[in-house]
Amino acid sequence: MALGYLGATQISKGGVDEACATWSGLLDAMEEGIYSGRARQAVFDVRKLLSPYRRRKIPVVMELDARAASYLIRVD
């Protein structure tokens, strides 16, 4: 879940593109079969941190948010 924390740090410093790239790597790893409670919480946190940027319709944010939502649907 280190990638989750790294992305959170990046986005808190205004690095939206960097955070999205980091979180994309996180989702890549999780989509290969990681379904733990900690993994689910990390993806939930990603969506929460992306929420202010979704309103701006930033393409990379929208794509990552859709992937995160899809992951959460599969693990619930």
C-alpha atoms as a PDB file:
ATOM      1  CA  MET A   1       0.000   0.000   0.000  1.00  0.00           C
ATOM      2  CA  ALA A   2       3.078   2.222  -0.179  1.00  0.00           C
ATOM      3  CA  LEU A   3       1.949   3.440  -3.594  1.00  0.00           C
ATOM      4  CA  GLY A   4      -1.291   4.625  -2.026  1.00  0.00           C
ATOM      5  CA  TYR A   5       0.601   6.724   0.512  1.00  0.00           C
ATOM      6  CA  LEU A   6       3.019   8.039  -2.106  1.00  0.00           C
ATOM      7  CA  GLY A   7       0.138   9.129  -4.342  1.00  0.00           C
ATOM      8  CA  ALA A   8      -1.548  10.848  -1.392  1.00  0.00           C
ATOM      9  CA  THR A   9       1.630  12.811  -0.722  1.00  0.00           C
ATOM     10  CA  GLN A  10       1.970  13.751  -4.374  1.00  0.00           C
ATOM     11  CA  ILE A  11      -1.597  14.992  -4.711  1.00  0.00           C
ATOM     12  CA  SER A  12      -1.362  16.959  -1.458  1.00  0.00           C
ATOM     13  CA  LYS A  13       1.538  18.860  -3.025  1.00  0.00           C
ATOM     14  CA  GLY A  14      -0.445  19.576  -6.184  1.00  0.00           C
ATOM     15  CA  GLY A  15       1.021  16.789  -8.286  1.00  0.00           C
ATOM     16  CA  VAL A  16      -2.211  15.466  -9.753  1.00  0.00           C
ATOM     17  CA  ASP A  17      -0.596  13.839 -12.787  1.00  0.00           C
ATOM     18  CA  GLU A  18       2.142  12.256 -10.669  1.00  0.00           C
ATOM     19  CA  ALA A  19      -0.373  10.956  -8.130  1.00  0.00           C
ATOM     20  CA  CYS A  20      -2.538   9.493 -10.881  1.00  0.00           C
ATOM     21  CA  ALA A  21       0.476   7.728 -12.400  1.00  0.00           C
ATOM     22  CA  THR A  22       1.415   6.315  -9.000  1.00  0.00           C
ATOM     23  CA  TRP A  23      -2.121   5.197  -8.246  1.00  0.00           C
ATOM     24  CA  SER A  24      -2.417   3.667 -11.697  1.00  0.00           C
ATOM     25  CA  GLY A  25       0.517   1.442 -10.761  1.00  0.00           C
ATOM     26  CA  LEU A  26      -1.271   0.572  -7.536  1.00  0.00           C
ATOM     27  CA  LEU A  27      -4.385  -0.470  -9.447  1.00  0.00           C
ATOM     28  CA  ASP A  28      -2.299  -2.439 -11.951  1.00  0.00           C
ATOM     29  CA  ALA A  29      -0.908  -4.510  -9.086  1.00  0.00           C
ATOM     30  CA  MET A  30      -4.290  -4.961  -7.428  1.00  0.00           C
ATOM     31  CA  GLU A  31      -6.080  -5.969 -10.597  1.00  0.00           C
ATOM     32  CA  GLU A  32      -3.801  -9.002 -10.714  1.00  0.00           C
ATOM     33  CA  GLY A  33      -5.672 -10.471  -7.777  1.00  0.00           C
ATOM     34  CA  ILE A  34      -5.112  -8.463  -4.605  1.00  0.00           C
ATOM     35  CA  TYR A  35      -8.412  -8.217  -2.740  1.00  0.00           C
ATOM     36  CA  SER A  36      -7.484  -7.583   0.900  1.00  0.00           C
ATOM     37  CA  GLY A  37      -9.233  -5.154   3.201  1.00  0.00           C
ATOM     38  CA  ARG A  38      -6.177  -2.896   3.166  1.00  0.00           C
ATOM     39  CA  ALA A  39      -6.132  -2.899  -0.633  1.00  0.00           C
ATOM     40  CA  ARG A  40      -9.818  -2.025  -0.749  1.00  0.00           C
ATOM     41  CA  GLN A  41      -9.266   0.824   1.718  1.00  0.00           C
ATOM     42  CA  ALA A  42      -6.353   2.148  -0.335  1.00  0.00           C
ATOM     43  CA  VAL A  43      -8.537   2.314  -3.456  1.00  0.00           C
ATOM     44  CA  PHE A  44     -11.382   3.884  -1.480  1.00  0.00           C
ATOM     45  CA  ASP A  45      -8.924   6.544  -0.263  1.00  0.00           C
ATOM     46  CA  VAL A  46      -7.768   7.180  -3.841  1.00  0.00           C
ATOM     47  CA  ARG A  47     -11.334   7.917  -4.896  1.00  0.00           C
ATOM     48  CA  LYS A  48     -11.812  10.193  -1.902  1.00  0.00           C
ATOM     49  CA  LEU A  49      -8.642  12.164  -2.680  1.00  0.00           C
ATOM     50  CA  LEU A  50      -9.610  12.439  -6.351  1.00  0.00           C
ATOM     51  CA  SER A  51     -13.087  13.792  -5.630  1.00  0.00           C
ATOM     52  CA  PRO A  52     -12.178  17.523  -5.817  1.00  0.00           C
ATOM     53  CA  TYR A  53     -10.533  16.914  -9.202  1.00  0.00           C
ATOM     54  CA  ARG A  54     -13.394  14.890 -10.719  1.00  0.00           C
ATOM     55  CA  ARG A  55     -15.496  18.041 -10.910  1.00  0.00           C
ATOM     56  CA  ARG A  56     -12.849  19.582 -13.151  1.00  0.00           C
ATOM     57  CA  LYS A  57     -13.221  16.688 -15.612  1.00  0.00           C
ATOM     58  CA  ILE A  58      -9.450  16.129 -15.841  1.00  0.00           C
ATOM     59  CA  PRO A  59      -9.109  13.167 -18.236  1.00  0.00           C
ATOM     60  CA  VAL A  60      -6.428  11.269 -16.273  1.00  0.00           C
ATOM     61  CA  VAL A  61      -8.452  11.709 -13.086  1.00  0.00           C
ATOM     62  CA  MET A  62     -11.656  10.521 -14.743  1.00  0.00           C
ATOM     63  CA  GLU A  63      -9.940   7.419 -16.145  1.00  0.00           C
ATOM     64  CA  LEU A  64      -8.291   6.524 -12.840  1.00  0.00           C
ATOM     65  CA  ASP A  65     -11.498   7.103 -10.904  1.00  0.00           C
ATOM     66  CA  ALA A  66     -13.383   4.786 -13.267  1.00  0.00           C
ATOM     67  CA  ARG A  67     -10.748   2.073 -12.778  1.00  0.00           C
ATOM     68  CA  ALA A  68     -10.900   2.503  -9.004  1.00  0.00           C
ATOM     69  CA  ALA A  69     -14.701   2.320  -8.996  1.00  0.00           C
ATOM     70  CA  SER A  70     -14.577  -0.831 -11.125  1.00  0.00           C
ATOM     71  CA  TYR A  71     -12.102  -2.435  -8.715  1.00  0.00           C
ATOM     72  CA  LEU A  72     -14.303  -1.617  -5.730  1.00  0.00           C
ATOM     73  CA  ILE A  73     -17.350  -3.135  -7.423  1.00  0.00           C
ATOM     74  CA  ARG A  74     -15.432  -6.376  -8.004  1.00  0.00           C
ATOM     75  CA  VAL A  75     -14.233  -6.696  -4.407  1.00  0.00           C
ATOM     76  CA  ASP A  76     -17.527  -5.886  -2.694  1.00  0.00           C
END
